[in-house]
Amino acid sequence: MIAVSAVSEIMSSEDTVTITSESGKTARDVAEIMVKKKISSVIVIDKKTKPVGIVTQKDLVRRVCLKDISASRFTVEEIMSSPLITIMAYDSVDTASRIMTRNQIKHLVVLEDDNRICGLLSVTDITKHLAKILLNDYNRYRSLKSLIDMTNTNTTSFTHDKNVKSN
């Protein structure tokens, strides 16, 4: 039986970065945060800490770089993706994957029951999780194959010994 993982088990929580809307921050400020923290997205929250949007590298490229205008002239609100697509911490990774695929997004903000942000789930998090599953399956297969090979060797040896004794 395959255990289905909850989003909270594989999400990134330590590198979740937020920025407050209407704070006067610009696209350049967000880009500097991303470079400094080595992250690919920043969650935008309102003054009550409710998540209202997200700015991703893709948003910066499409909404700033392609405009050929200084990044300092764009506010966070102008470039963020909104409405924000979220998932609950207890939802399955399978559910998260379907939501990401359906909406063609690479990040999901993860919420607790009280709608507080508890982390961020990325395609990279899911890929790492699947890689672990594949490695575990491969290791189980190798162990099983070794057992089968040993059993076949012992059976062959037993049959050979039996044939030698009967001659």
Foldseek 3Di string as FASTA:
>chain_A
DDDFDFQLVQFDQPLAAEDEAPPLDWQVNQVVVCVVSVHFKHFYAYPVRQTAFMAGPVLCVVVPVVVPDDRSVGGPVSRTDDPAAAEERGHTPVVVVVVCVVVVHFKHFYAYPVRHTRGMHGPVSVVVVVVVVVVVVVVVVVVVVVVVVVVVVVVVVVVVVVVVVVD
